[in-house]
Amino acid sequence: MNNITTSHHSSAGTDAAAAECSPAADAAGGRQSKARICFILFSEFFKIATFVVGGGFAILLVADDIFVHKYKWIHDGELADMLALIQTVPGLTAGNIAIYIGYRAAGAAGAFCALCGVAMPSFIVISIVAMVFDRIPVHNRFVSGAFLGVRTAMTGLTALTLVRIWKKAVSDPLQALVFAAGVIAVSVFHIGPGWLIGCGIIFGLLCAVLVIDRVEKAESDRKDG
């Protein structure tokens, strides 16, 4: 499959604009149909949600590999860059990731199909579990061991996500200080993550303003000199 280069700064406007930046193309060199892209989005996210255990962070890692390296529909590191924004939106991280990738690939239709794909396995499994929940031996040592294994795996996947986004998210001492302050605020003072995200947005805006002012001042001094 040939790939049409996407624009990193895609328009947040109409479906046509989102489809225009879609990188998918067929073997003959023409643009793939939106229906084909939507089918791929649904099937890939259905498989991801079915076989990947660990929630949104685990799905982020797998989706990044598939849609960056296999289909090249998003840029390398784009999901890591968007993770903070994705987590500020109400809803599950996995669903928000699916919506973001689907919209980048095929507009609103792609977002809908990707969301359906990532939600369908959970809906099926929860429905089955609800029907037979009374028969599940929750206190059985094998069942308890399975749950323990899943929790352990989720911890490892979360740690792996942190390692992958560390270089992009923490690149200077000031950011490392903010990271440490956030960890202390949550673990020691039990401050809600929502407050930290809000303060982080404000802090980031202030830092950006200061950096822009310094750059403009340096440029002005250079021209005057």
N, C-alpha and C. Protein backbone atom coordinates (compact mmCIF):
# COMPACT_ATOMS: atom_id res chain seq x y z
N MET A 1 0.83 -1.18 0.00
CA MET A 1 0.00 0.00 0.00
C MET A 1 0.88 1.24 0.00
N ASN A 2 0.63 2.09 -0.99
CA ASN A 2 1.33 3.38 -0.99
C ASN A 2 0.68 4.29 0.01
N ASN A 3 1.43 5.24 0.51
CA ASN A 3 0.90 6.13 1.55
C ASN A 3 1.04 7.57 1.11
N ILE A 4 -0.04 8.31 1.25
CA ILE A 4 -0.04 9.73 0.94
C ILE A 4 0.34 10.48 2.19
N THR A 5 1.33 11.35 2.13
CA THR A 5 1.85 12.04 3.31
C THR A 5 0.76 12.86 3.97
N THR A 6 0.68 12.73 5.28
CA THR A 6 -0.31 13.48 6.04
C THR A 6 0.26 14.78 6.53
N SER A 7 -0.60 15.73 6.73
CA SER A 7 -0.19 17.00 7.35
C SER A 7 -0.31 16.87 8.85
N HIS A 8 0.77 17.24 9.57
CA HIS A 8 0.78 17.11 11.04
C HIS A 8 -0.23 18.03 11.68
N HIS A 9 -0.44 19.17 11.05
CA HIS A 9 -1.41 20.14 11.60
C HIS A 9 -2.71 20.01 10.80
N SER A 10 -3.47 18.95 11.04
CA SER A 10 -4.70 18.72 10.30
C SER A 10 -5.78 19.66 10.79
N SER A 11 -6.67 19.99 9.90
CA SER A 11 -7.76 20.90 10.25
C SER A 11 -8.76 20.18 11.12
N ALA A 12 -9.29 20.89 12.11
CA ALA A 12 -10.30 20.32 13.00
C ALA A 12 -11.69 20.64 12.48
N GLY A 13 -11.81 20.91 11.19
CA GLY A 13 -13.07 21.32 10.62
C GLY A 13 -13.91 20.16 10.17
N THR A 14 -14.18 20.08 8.86
CA THR A 14 -15.13 19.15 8.32
C THR A 14 -14.54 17.78 8.11
N ASP A 15 -15.43 16.80 7.83
CA ASP A 15 -14.97 15.45 7.52
C ASP A 15 -14.14 15.45 6.25
N ALA A 16 -14.47 16.33 5.31
CA ALA A 16 -13.72 16.37 4.06
C ALA A 16 -12.29 16.77 4.31
N ALA A 17 -12.09 17.71 5.21
CA ALA A 17 -10.73 18.13 5.53
C ALA A 17 -9.95 17.01 6.17
N ALA A 18 -10.62 16.26 7.05
CA ALA A 18 -9.93 15.15 7.70
C ALA A 18 -9.62 14.05 6.71
N ALA A 19 -10.57 13.78 5.79
CA ALA A 19 -10.34 12.75 4.78
C ALA A 19 -9.25 13.17 3.82
N GLU A 20 -9.13 14.49 3.58
CA GLU A 20 -8.13 15.00 2.66
C GLU A 20 -6.72 14.72 3.16
N CYS A 21 -6.54 14.67 4.49
CA CYS A 21 -5.22 14.42 5.05
C CYS A 21 -5.01 12.94 5.33
N SER A 22 -5.98 12.08 4.93
CA SER A 22 -5.84 10.66 5.16
C SER A 22 -4.68 10.12 4.35
N PRO A 23 -3.79 9.30 4.95
CA PRO A 23 -2.61 8.81 4.26
C PRO A 23 -2.82 7.52 3.51
N ALA A 24 -4.04 6.98 3.52
CA ALA A 24 -4.24 5.66 2.92
C ALA A 24 -4.42 5.75 1.42
N ALA A 25 -3.77 4.85 0.71
CA ALA A 25 -3.90 4.78 -0.74
C ALA A 25 -3.88 3.32 -1.16
N ASP A 26 -4.54 3.02 -2.28
CA ASP A 26 -4.57 1.62 -2.72
C ASP A 26 -3.34 1.29 -3.54
N ALA A 27 -3.24 0.02 -3.96
CA ALA A 27 -2.05 -0.45 -4.64
C ALA A 27 -1.86 0.20 -6.00
N ALA A 28 -2.95 0.69 -6.59
CA ALA A 28 -2.85 1.32 -7.89
C ALA A 28 -2.45 2.78 -7.80
N GLY A 29 -2.28 3.27 -6.61
CA GLY A 29 -1.84 4.65 -6.45
C GLY A 29 -2.96 5.60 -6.15
N GLY A 30 -4.23 5.14 -6.19
CA GLY A 30 -5.34 6.02 -5.89
C GLY A 30 -5.71 5.98 -4.43
N ARG A 31 -6.50 6.94 -4.03
CA ARG A 31 -6.89 7.01 -2.62
C ARG A 31 -7.85 5.87 -2.29
N GLN A 32 -7.65 5.23 -1.16
CA GLN A 32 -8.56 4.20 -0.72
C GLN A 32 -9.92 4.81 -0.41
N SER A 33 -10.95 4.00 -0.56
CA SER A 33 -12.29 4.47 -0.22
C SER A 33 -12.39 4.63 1.29
N LYS A 34 -13.24 5.55 1.70
CA LYS A 34 -13.44 5.77 3.13
C LYS A 34 -14.01 4.53 3.79
N ALA A 35 -14.84 3.78 3.05
CA ALA A 35 -15.42 2.56 3.61
C ALA A 35 -14.32 1.55 3.94
N ARG A 36 -13.32 1.44 3.07
CA ARG A 36 -12.22 0.50 3.30
C ARG A 36 -11.40 0.93 4.53
N ILE A 37 -11.13 2.23 4.62
CA ILE A 37 -10.38 2.73 5.77
C ILE A 37 -11.15 2.49 7.06
N CYS A 38 -12.45 2.73 7.03
CA CYS A 38 -13.27 2.52 8.22
C CYS A 38 -13.29 1.05 8.63
N PHE A 39 -13.33 0.17 7.63
CA PHE A 39 -13.30 -1.27 7.94
C PHE A 39 -11.98 -1.65 8.60
N ILE A 40 -10.87 -1.11 8.08
CA ILE A 40 -9.56 -1.39 8.68
C ILE A 40 -9.51 -0.87 10.11
N LEU A 41 -10.01 0.34 10.32
CA LEU A 41 -10.02 0.91 11.67
C LEU A 41 -10.82 0.04 12.63
N PHE A 42 -12.01 -0.37 12.20
CA PHE A 42 -12.85 -1.20 13.06
C PHE A 42 -12.17 -2.53 13.37
N SER A 43 -11.67 -3.21 12.34
CA SER A 43 -11.09 -4.54 12.53
C SER A 43 -9.82 -4.48 13.37
N GLU A 44 -8.96 -3.50 13.12
CA GLU A 44 -7.71 -3.40 13.88
C GLU A 44 -7.97 -3.09 15.35
N PHE A 45 -8.87 -2.15 15.61
CA PHE A 45 -9.17 -1.83 17.01
C PHE A 45 -9.94 -2.95 17.69
N PHE A 46 -10.73 -3.70 16.93
CA PHE A 46 -11.42 -4.85 17.50
C PHE A 46 -10.40 -5.89 17.95
N LYS A 47 -9.40 -6.16 17.10
CA LYS A 47 -8.36 -7.13 17.46
C LYS A 47 -7.52 -6.63 18.64
N ILE A 48 -7.19 -5.33 18.62
CA ILE A 48 -6.40 -4.76 19.72
C ILE A 48 -7.14 -4.92 21.04
N ALA A 49 -8.42 -4.53 21.07
CA ALA A 49 -9.19 -4.58 22.31
C ALA A 49 -9.46 -6.00 22.75
N THR A 50 -9.47 -6.95 21.81
CA THR A 50 -9.74 -8.34 22.15
C THR A 50 -8.53 -9.01 22.80
N PHE A 51 -7.35 -8.75 22.26
CA PHE A 51 -6.17 -9.50 22.68
C PHE A 51 -5.21 -8.73 23.58
N VAL A 52 -5.37 -7.41 23.67
CA VAL A 52 -4.46 -6.62 24.49
C VAL A 52 -5.07 -6.41 25.87
N VAL A 53 -4.35 -6.79 26.91
CA VAL A 53 -4.80 -6.64 28.29
C VAL A 53 -4.00 -5.51 28.94
N GLY A 54 -4.69 -4.62 29.62
CA GLY A 54 -3.96 -3.56 30.31
C GLY A 54 -4.57 -2.19 30.17
N GLY A 55 -5.69 -2.07 29.46
CA GLY A 55 -6.35 -0.78 29.37
C GLY A 55 -5.74 0.17 28.36
N GLY A 56 -5.99 1.47 28.59
CA GLY A 56 -5.63 2.49 27.61
C GLY A 56 -4.16 2.58 27.30
N PHE A 57 -3.29 2.46 28.32
CA PHE A 57 -1.86 2.58 28.08
C PHE A 57 -1.34 1.44 27.22
N ALA A 58 -1.83 0.22 27.47
CA ALA A 58 -1.41 -0.92 26.66
C ALA A 58 -1.91 -0.77 25.23
N ILE A 59 -3.14 -0.31 25.08
CA ILE A 59 -3.70 -0.11 23.74
C ILE A 59 -2.94 0.98 23.01
N LEU A 60 -2.50 2.01 23.73
CA LEU A 60 -1.72 3.08 23.11
C LEU A 60 -0.44 2.53 22.49
N LEU A 61 0.25 1.65 23.21
CA LEU A 61 1.50 1.08 22.70
C LEU A 61 1.27 0.28 21.43
N VAL A 62 0.25 -0.57 21.43
CA VAL A 62 -0.03 -1.41 20.26
C VAL A 62 -0.54 -0.57 19.10
N ALA A 63 -1.46 0.36 19.38
CA ALA A 63 -1.99 1.22 18.32
C ALA A 63 -0.90 2.06 17.69
N ASP A 64 0.05 2.50 18.50
CA ASP A 64 1.17 3.28 17.96
C ASP A 64 1.98 2.44 16.98
N ASP A 65 2.25 1.19 17.31
CA ASP A 65 3.00 0.31 16.41
C ASP A 65 2.24 0.05 15.12
N ILE A 66 0.93 -0.19 15.23
CA ILE A 66 0.14 -0.56 14.04
C ILE A 66 -0.07 0.63 13.12
N PHE A 67 -0.54 1.74 13.67
CA PHE A 67 -0.95 2.84 12.81
C PHE A 67 0.20 3.78 12.44
N VAL A 68 1.34 3.64 13.11
CA VAL A 68 2.53 4.41 12.73
C VAL A 68 3.39 3.61 11.75
N HIS A 69 3.70 2.36 12.10
CA HIS A 69 4.65 1.59 11.32
C HIS A 69 4.00 0.75 10.22
N LYS A 70 2.82 0.19 10.50
CA LYS A 70 2.17 -0.66 9.49
C LYS A 70 1.43 0.17 8.45
N TYR A 71 0.57 1.09 8.90
CA TYR A 71 -0.25 1.87 7.97
C TYR A 71 0.30 3.27 7.71
N LYS A 72 1.14 3.78 8.64
CA LYS A 72 1.69 5.12 8.50
C LYS A 72 0.59 6.18 8.38
N TRP A 73 -0.45 6.02 9.17
CA TRP A 73 -1.56 6.97 9.16
C TRP A 73 -1.33 8.12 10.13
N ILE A 74 -0.46 7.94 11.09
CA ILE A 74 -0.09 9.01 12.01
C ILE A 74 1.42 9.04 12.13
N HIS A 75 1.95 10.13 12.65
CA HIS A 75 3.39 10.30 12.75
C HIS A 75 3.96 9.58 13.97
N ASP A 76 5.21 9.20 13.88
CA ASP A 76 5.89 8.57 15.00
C ASP A 76 5.94 9.54 16.18
N GLY A 77 5.48 9.10 17.32
CA GLY A 77 5.46 9.94 18.52
C GLY A 77 4.24 10.82 18.64
N GLU A 78 3.35 10.79 17.65
CA GLU A 78 2.18 11.67 17.68
C GLU A 78 1.23 11.31 18.83
N LEU A 79 1.01 10.01 19.05
CA LEU A 79 0.13 9.60 20.14
C LEU A 79 0.71 9.98 21.50
N ALA A 80 2.03 9.83 21.62
CA ALA A 80 2.66 10.22 22.89
C ALA A 80 2.51 11.72 23.13
N ASP A 81 2.63 12.50 22.05
CA ASP A 81 2.46 13.95 22.19
C ASP A 81 1.03 14.31 22.56
N MET A 82 0.07 13.53 22.03
CA MET A 82 -1.33 13.84 22.26
C MET A 82 -1.90 13.19 23.51
N LEU A 83 -1.08 12.37 24.20
CA LEU A 83 -1.59 11.62 25.34
C LEU A 83 -2.18 12.52 26.42
N ALA A 84 -1.49 13.61 26.73
CA ALA A 84 -1.99 14.51 27.78
C ALA A 84 -3.35 15.09 27.39
N LEU A 85 -3.49 15.49 26.12
CA LEU A 85 -4.77 16.04 25.66
C LEU A 85 -5.85 14.97 25.65
N ILE A 86 -5.47 13.75 25.21
CA ILE A 86 -6.43 12.65 25.14
C ILE A 86 -6.98 12.34 26.53
N GLN A 87 -6.13 12.41 27.55
CA GLN A 87 -6.56 12.08 28.90
C GLN A 87 -7.39 13.18 29.55
N THR A 88 -7.33 14.40 29.02
CA THR A 88 -8.16 15.46 29.58
C THR A 88 -9.60 15.39 29.09
N VAL A 89 -9.82 14.64 28.01
CA VAL A 89 -11.17 14.51 27.46
C VAL A 89 -11.94 13.46 28.26
N PRO A 90 -13.18 13.74 28.64
CA PRO A 90 -13.97 12.74 29.40
C PRO A 90 -14.09 11.43 28.62
N GLY A 91 -14.04 10.34 29.36
CA GLY A 91 -14.16 9.03 28.73
C GLY A 91 -12.91 8.20 28.93
N LEU A 92 -12.99 6.94 28.49
CA LEU A 92 -11.88 6.02 28.63
C LEU A 92 -10.74 6.41 27.69
N THR A 93 -9.52 6.20 28.16
CA THR A 93 -8.35 6.53 27.35
C THR A 93 -8.35 5.74 26.05
N ALA A 94 -8.68 4.45 26.12
CA ALA A 94 -8.69 3.61 24.91
C ALA A 94 -9.67 4.15 23.87
N GLY A 95 -10.87 4.55 24.33
CA GLY A 95 -11.86 5.10 23.40
C GLY A 95 -11.41 6.41 22.80
N ASN A 96 -10.79 7.27 23.60
CA ASN A 96 -10.32 8.55 23.08
C ASN A 96 -9.18 8.36 22.08
N ILE A 97 -8.32 7.38 22.33
CA ILE A 97 -7.24 7.07 21.38
C ILE A 97 -7.84 6.62 20.06
N ALA A 98 -8.84 5.73 20.13
CA ALA A 98 -9.49 5.24 18.91
C ALA A 98 -10.15 6.38 18.14
N ILE A 99 -10.82 7.27 18.85
CA ILE A 99 -11.48 8.41 18.20
C ILE A 99 -10.45 9.29 17.50
N TYR A 100 -9.34 9.55 18.18
CA TYR A 100 -8.31 10.42 17.60
C TYR A 100 -7.73 9.82 16.32
N ILE A 101 -7.33 8.55 16.39
CA ILE A 101 -6.72 7.90 15.21
C ILE A 101 -7.75 7.79 14.10
N GLY A 102 -8.99 7.40 14.45
CA GLY A 102 -10.03 7.26 13.43
C GLY A 102 -10.32 8.57 12.73
N TYR A 103 -10.37 9.65 13.49
CA TYR A 103 -10.64 10.96 12.87
C TYR A 103 -9.49 11.41 11.99
N ARG A 104 -8.26 11.15 12.41
CA ARG A 104 -7.09 11.50 11.59
C ARG A 104 -7.09 10.74 10.27
N ALA A 105 -7.62 9.50 10.31
CA ALA A 105 -7.57 8.66 9.12
C ALA A 105 -8.77 8.87 8.19
N ALA A 106 -9.97 9.06 8.75
CA ALA A 106 -11.15 9.11 7.89
C ALA A 106 -12.25 10.01 8.42
N GLY A 107 -11.90 11.00 9.20
CA GLY A 107 -12.91 11.95 9.66
C GLY A 107 -13.85 11.35 10.69
N ALA A 108 -15.06 11.89 10.76
CA ALA A 108 -16.02 11.47 11.78
C ALA A 108 -16.42 10.01 11.62
N ALA A 109 -16.56 9.55 10.37
CA ALA A 109 -16.91 8.15 10.13
C ALA A 109 -15.82 7.22 10.65
N GLY A 110 -14.58 7.59 10.43
CA GLY A 110 -13.47 6.79 10.93
C GLY A 110 -13.43 6.77 12.45
N ALA A 111 -13.69 7.90 13.07
CA ALA A 111 -13.71 7.97 14.54
C ALA A 111 -14.80 7.07 15.10
N PHE A 112 -15.98 7.07 14.47
CA PHE A 112 -17.08 6.23 14.92
C PHE A 112 -16.74 4.75 14.79
N CYS A 113 -16.18 4.36 13.65
CA CYS A 113 -15.86 2.95 13.42
C CYS A 113 -14.75 2.48 14.36
N ALA A 114 -13.75 3.32 14.57
CA ALA A 114 -12.67 2.96 15.49
C ALA A 114 -13.20 2.81 16.91
N LEU A 115 -14.09 3.71 17.33
CA LEU A 115 -14.66 3.62 18.67
C LEU A 115 -15.51 2.36 18.83
N CYS A 116 -16.29 2.03 17.81
CA CYS A 116 -17.09 0.80 17.86
C CYS A 116 -16.18 -0.42 17.95
N GLY A 117 -15.08 -0.40 17.20
CA GLY A 117 -14.16 -1.53 17.21
C GLY A 117 -13.51 -1.74 18.56
N VAL A 118 -13.10 -0.66 19.21
CA VAL A 118 -12.41 -0.79 20.49
C VAL A 118 -13.39 -1.09 21.63
N ALA A 119 -14.66 -0.74 21.46
CA ALA A 119 -15.65 -0.95 22.53
C ALA A 119 -16.36 -2.30 22.42
N MET A 120 -16.45 -2.85 21.22
CA MET A 120 -17.24 -4.06 21.02
C MET A 120 -16.75 -5.26 21.83
N PRO A 121 -15.44 -5.58 21.85
CA PRO A 121 -14.99 -6.74 22.65
C PRO A 121 -15.34 -6.62 24.13
N SER A 122 -15.16 -5.44 24.70
CA SER A 122 -15.50 -5.24 26.11
C SER A 122 -16.99 -5.43 26.34
N PHE A 123 -17.80 -4.92 25.43
CA PHE A 123 -19.25 -5.08 25.56
C PHE A 123 -19.64 -6.55 25.54
N ILE A 124 -19.04 -7.31 24.62
CA ILE A 124 -19.36 -8.74 24.52
C ILE A 124 -18.91 -9.50 25.77
N VAL A 125 -17.66 -9.23 26.19
CA VAL A 125 -17.12 -9.95 27.35
C VAL A 125 -17.90 -9.62 28.62
N ILE A 126 -18.19 -8.33 28.85
CA ILE A 126 -18.92 -7.93 30.05
C ILE A 126 -20.33 -8.51 30.04
N SER A 127 -20.94 -8.59 28.86
CA SER A 127 -22.29 -9.17 28.78
C SER A 127 -22.26 -10.65 29.16
N ILE A 128 -21.24 -11.37 28.68
CA ILE A 128 -21.12 -12.79 29.01
C ILE A 128 -20.83 -12.97 30.49
N VAL A 129 -19.91 -12.15 31.01
CA VAL A 129 -19.56 -12.25 32.43
C VAL A 129 -20.78 -11.96 33.31
N ALA A 130 -21.57 -10.96 32.92
CA ALA A 130 -22.76 -10.61 33.70
C ALA A 130 -23.75 -11.76 33.76
N MET A 131 -23.84 -12.54 32.66
CA MET A 131 -24.79 -13.64 32.62
C MET A 131 -24.34 -14.83 33.48
N VAL A 132 -23.02 -14.99 33.65
CA VAL A 132 -22.52 -16.16 34.38
C VAL A 132 -21.75 -15.76 35.64
N PHE A 133 -21.92 -14.51 36.08
CA PHE A 133 -21.11 -14.02 37.19
C PHE A 133 -21.31 -14.85 38.46
N ASP A 134 -22.53 -15.28 38.72
CA ASP A 134 -22.81 -16.04 39.94
C ASP A 134 -22.09 -17.38 39.95
N ARG A 135 -21.68 -17.84 38.77
CA ARG A 135 -21.02 -19.15 38.68
C ARG A 135 -19.50 -19.05 38.69
N ILE A 136 -18.96 -17.83 38.66
CA ILE A 136 -17.51 -17.66 38.65
C ILE A 136 -16.95 -17.86 40.05
N PRO A 137 -16.03 -18.79 40.24
CA PRO A 137 -15.44 -19.02 41.57
C PRO A 137 -14.39 -17.95 41.89
N VAL A 138 -14.85 -16.79 42.32
CA VAL A 138 -13.96 -15.64 42.52
C VAL A 138 -12.86 -15.96 43.52
N HIS A 139 -13.18 -16.77 44.53
CA HIS A 139 -12.21 -17.07 45.58
C HIS A 139 -11.33 -18.27 45.26
N ASN A 140 -11.53 -18.85 44.08
CA ASN A 140 -10.68 -19.96 43.66
C ASN A 140 -9.25 -19.46 43.45
N ARG A 141 -8.26 -20.25 43.90
CA ARG A 141 -6.88 -19.77 43.84
C ARG A 141 -6.40 -19.56 42.41
N PHE A 142 -6.93 -20.34 41.48
CA PHE A 142 -6.52 -20.17 40.09
C PHE A 142 -7.11 -18.89 39.50
N VAL A 143 -8.36 -18.60 39.83
CA VAL A 143 -9.00 -17.35 39.36
C VAL A 143 -8.31 -16.16 39.99
N SER A 144 -8.03 -16.25 41.30
CA SER A 144 -7.32 -15.16 41.97
C SER A 144 -5.93 -14.96 41.39
N GLY A 145 -5.27 -16.06 41.07
CA GLY A 145 -3.95 -15.96 40.46
C GLY A 145 -3.99 -15.31 39.09
N ALA A 146 -5.05 -15.60 38.32
CA ALA A 146 -5.21 -14.97 37.00
C ALA A 146 -5.37 -13.46 37.13
N PHE A 147 -6.19 -13.03 38.10
CA PHE A 147 -6.37 -11.60 38.32
C PHE A 147 -5.07 -10.94 38.76
N LEU A 148 -4.32 -11.65 39.60
CA LEU A 148 -3.03 -11.13 40.06
C LEU A 148 -2.07 -10.96 38.88
N GLY A 149 -2.06 -11.95 37.99
CA GLY A 149 -1.20 -11.86 36.81
C GLY A 149 -1.57 -10.69 35.91
N VAL A 150 -2.88 -10.45 35.74
CA VAL A 150 -3.33 -9.34 34.91
C VAL A 150 -2.89 -8.01 35.53
N ARG A 151 -3.05 -7.86 36.86
CA ARG A 151 -2.65 -6.63 37.52
C ARG A 151 -1.14 -6.39 37.38
N THR A 152 -0.38 -7.46 37.48
CA THR A 152 1.08 -7.34 37.34
C THR A 152 1.44 -6.92 35.92
N ALA A 153 0.79 -7.52 34.95
CA ALA A 153 1.06 -7.17 33.55
C ALA A 153 0.70 -5.72 33.27
N MET A 154 -0.41 -5.26 33.84
CA MET A 154 -0.83 -3.87 33.64
C MET A 154 0.19 -2.90 34.22
N THR A 155 0.77 -3.27 35.36
CA THR A 155 1.81 -2.42 35.97
C THR A 155 3.02 -2.30 35.04
N GLY A 156 3.42 -3.43 34.47
CA GLY A 156 4.55 -3.41 33.54
C GLY A 156 4.27 -2.60 32.29
N LEU A 157 3.04 -2.72 31.75
CA LEU A 157 2.69 -1.98 30.55
C LEU A 157 2.64 -0.48 30.82
N THR A 158 2.14 -0.11 32.00
CA THR A 158 2.11 1.31 32.37
C THR A 158 3.53 1.86 32.49
N ALA A 159 4.42 1.05 33.09
CA ALA A 159 5.82 1.47 33.21
C ALA A 159 6.47 1.61 31.83
N LEU A 160 6.15 0.69 30.91
CA LEU A 160 6.70 0.76 29.56
C LEU A 160 6.22 2.01 28.83
N THR A 161 4.95 2.36 29.01
CA THR A 161 4.43 3.59 28.41
C THR A 161 5.17 4.80 28.92
N LEU A 162 5.42 4.82 30.24
CA LEU A 162 6.16 5.93 30.83
C LEU A 162 7.55 6.04 30.22
N VAL A 163 8.22 4.92 30.02
CA VAL A 163 9.56 4.93 29.45
C VAL A 163 9.53 5.46 28.02
N ARG A 164 8.53 5.04 27.25
CA ARG A 164 8.46 5.45 25.84
C ARG A 164 8.22 6.95 25.68
N ILE A 165 7.37 7.52 26.54
CA ILE A 165 7.04 8.94 26.36
C ILE A 165 7.94 9.85 27.17
N TRP A 166 8.85 9.26 27.99
CA TRP A 166 9.69 10.05 28.87
C TRP A 166 10.54 11.05 28.09
N LYS A 167 11.20 10.59 27.02
CA LYS A 167 12.12 11.45 26.29
C LYS A 167 11.42 12.63 25.65
N LYS A 168 10.15 12.43 25.24
CA LYS A 168 9.42 13.52 24.61
C LYS A 168 8.75 14.43 25.64
N ALA A 169 8.35 13.84 26.77
CA ALA A 169 7.60 14.62 27.76
C ALA A 169 8.52 15.31 28.76
N VAL A 170 9.67 14.72 29.06
CA VAL A 170 10.60 15.28 30.06
C VAL A 170 11.96 15.44 29.39
N SER A 171 12.22 16.66 28.91
CA SER A 171 13.44 16.89 28.14
C SER A 171 14.36 17.94 28.77
N ASP A 172 13.97 18.52 29.90
CA ASP A 172 14.85 19.48 30.57
C ASP A 172 14.60 19.42 32.09
N PRO A 173 15.48 20.01 32.89
CA PRO A 173 15.34 19.93 34.35
C PRO A 173 14.02 20.49 34.88
N LEU A 174 13.50 21.55 34.23
CA LEU A 174 12.24 22.13 34.69
C LEU A 174 11.10 21.13 34.56
N GLN A 175 11.04 20.42 33.43
CA GLN A 175 10.00 19.42 33.23
C GLN A 175 10.16 18.26 34.20
N ALA A 176 11.41 17.88 34.48
CA ALA A 176 11.65 16.82 35.47
C ALA A 176 11.16 17.25 36.85
N LEU A 177 11.34 18.54 37.18
CA LEU A 177 10.87 19.06 38.45
C LEU A 177 9.34 19.03 38.52
N VAL A 178 8.69 19.39 37.42
CA VAL A 178 7.22 19.35 37.38
C VAL A 178 6.73 17.92 37.54
N PHE A 179 7.42 16.98 36.87
CA PHE A 179 7.05 15.57 36.99
C PHE A 179 7.15 15.10 38.44
N ALA A 180 8.27 15.40 39.08
CA ALA A 180 8.48 15.00 40.47
C ALA A 180 7.43 15.63 41.39
N ALA A 181 7.12 16.90 41.14
CA ALA A 181 6.12 17.58 41.96
C ALA A 181 4.74 16.93 41.79
N GLY A 182 4.43 16.51 40.56
CA GLY A 182 3.16 15.84 40.32
C GLY A 182 3.07 14.50 41.03
N VAL A 183 4.15 13.73 40.98
CA VAL A 183 4.17 12.43 41.68
C VAL A 183 3.98 12.63 43.18
N ILE A 184 4.67 13.60 43.76
CA ILE A 184 4.55 13.87 45.20
C ILE A 184 3.15 14.36 45.54
N ALA A 185 2.59 15.21 44.70
CA ALA A 185 1.26 15.75 44.96
C ALA A 185 0.20 14.65 45.00
N VAL A 186 0.34 13.66 44.10
CA VAL A 186 -0.65 12.58 44.04
C VAL A 186 -0.41 11.56 45.14
N SER A 187 0.84 11.12 45.30
CA SER A 187 1.13 10.03 46.23
C SER A 187 1.18 10.45 47.69
N VAL A 188 1.60 11.68 47.96
CA VAL A 188 1.75 12.12 49.35
C VAL A 188 0.55 12.95 49.81
N PHE A 189 0.16 13.93 48.99
CA PHE A 189 -0.92 14.83 49.40
C PHE A 189 -2.28 14.44 48.83
N HIS A 190 -2.31 13.39 47.98
CA HIS A 190 -3.56 12.85 47.44
C HIS A 190 -4.38 13.90 46.69
N ILE A 191 -3.69 14.74 45.95
CA ILE A 191 -4.35 15.75 45.12
C ILE A 191 -4.89 15.07 43.86
N GLY A 192 -6.10 15.42 43.48
CA GLY A 192 -6.71 14.80 42.30
C GLY A 192 -5.95 15.11 41.02
N PRO A 193 -5.85 14.14 40.12
CA PRO A 193 -5.13 14.35 38.85
C PRO A 193 -5.70 15.49 38.02
N GLY A 194 -7.01 15.73 38.15
CA GLY A 194 -7.63 16.82 37.40
C GLY A 194 -7.03 18.17 37.73
N TRP A 195 -6.76 18.40 39.03
CA TRP A 195 -6.13 19.65 39.44
C TRP A 195 -4.72 19.75 38.86
N LEU A 196 -4.00 18.65 38.84
CA LEU A 196 -2.64 18.66 38.30
C LEU A 196 -2.65 18.96 36.80
N ILE A 197 -3.60 18.37 36.09
CA ILE A 197 -3.69 18.62 34.64
C ILE A 197 -4.00 20.10 34.39
N GLY A 198 -4.97 20.65 35.15
CA GLY A 198 -5.31 22.07 34.98
C GLY A 198 -4.13 22.98 35.28
N CYS A 199 -3.43 22.69 36.38
CA CYS A 199 -2.26 23.50 36.72
C CYS A 199 -1.16 23.34 35.69
N GLY A 200 -1.03 22.11 35.15
CA GLY A 200 -0.02 21.88 34.12
C GLY A 200 -0.30 22.67 32.86
N ILE A 201 -1.58 22.77 32.47
CA ILE A 201 -1.95 23.55 31.29
C ILE A 201 -1.58 25.02 31.49
N ILE A 202 -1.94 25.56 32.66
CA ILE A 202 -1.63 26.96 32.95
C ILE A 202 -0.12 27.19 32.99
N PHE A 203 0.59 26.29 33.66
CA PHE A 203 2.05 26.40 33.76
C PHE A 203 2.69 26.33 32.38
N GLY A 204 2.21 25.43 31.54
CA GLY A 204 2.77 25.31 30.19
C GLY A 204 2.54 26.55 29.36
N LEU A 205 1.33 27.15 29.49
CA LEU A 205 1.04 28.38 28.75
C LEU A 205 1.96 29.51 29.19
N LEU A 206 2.17 29.63 30.52
CA LEU A 206 3.05 30.68 31.03
C LEU A 206 4.48 30.48 30.54
N CYS A 207 4.95 29.25 30.55
CA CYS A 207 6.30 28.96 30.06
C CYS A 207 6.43 29.30 28.58
N ALA A 208 5.37 28.97 27.81
CA ALA A 208 5.41 29.26 26.38
C ALA A 208 5.48 30.76 26.14
N VAL A 209 4.71 31.53 26.92
CA VAL A 209 4.72 32.99 26.77
C VAL A 209 6.11 33.54 27.08
N LEU A 210 6.73 33.04 28.15
CA LEU A 210 8.07 33.51 28.53
C LEU A 210 9.10 33.16 27.47
N VAL A 211 9.00 31.96 26.91
CA VAL A 211 9.95 31.55 25.87
C VAL A 211 9.79 32.41 24.63
N ILE A 212 8.54 32.66 24.24
CA ILE A 212 8.29 33.49 23.05
C ILE A 212 8.84 34.90 23.26
N ASP A 213 8.61 35.43 24.46
CA ASP A 213 9.12 36.78 24.75
C ASP A 213 10.64 36.82 24.67
N ARG A 214 11.30 35.81 25.20
CA ARG A 214 12.76 35.78 25.17
C ARG A 214 13.28 35.65 23.75
N VAL A 215 12.60 34.81 22.95
CA VAL A 215 13.03 34.65 21.55
C VAL A 215 12.86 35.94 20.78
N GLU A 216 11.71 36.60 20.98
CA GLU A 216 11.46 37.86 20.27
C GLU A 216 12.45 38.93 20.71
N LYS A 217 12.76 38.96 22.00
CA LYS A 217 13.72 39.95 22.50
C LYS A 217 15.12 39.68 21.94
N ALA A 218 15.51 38.41 21.91
CA ALA A 218 16.83 38.06 21.36
C ALA A 218 16.91 38.39 19.89
N GLU A 219 15.82 38.15 19.17
CA GLU A 219 15.80 38.46 17.73
C GLU A 219 15.87 39.96 17.51
N SER A 220 15.17 40.71 18.36
CA SER A 220 15.21 42.17 18.24
C SER A 220 16.60 42.71 18.54
N ASP A 221 17.25 42.15 19.59
CA ASP A 221 18.60 42.60 19.94
C ASP A 221 19.60 42.26 18.82
N ARG A 222 19.38 41.11 18.20
CA ARG A 222 20.29 40.70 17.11
C ARG A 222 20.18 41.64 15.92
N LYS A 223 18.93 42.04 15.60
CA LYS A 223 18.75 42.96 14.47
C LYS A 223 19.32 44.33 14.79
N ASP A 224 19.11 44.79 16.06
CA ASP A 224 19.63 46.09 16.42
C ASP A 224 21.15 46.09 16.44
N GLY A 225 21.72 44.93 16.83
CA GLY A 225 23.19 44.85 16.89
C GLY A 225 23.81 44.76 15.51
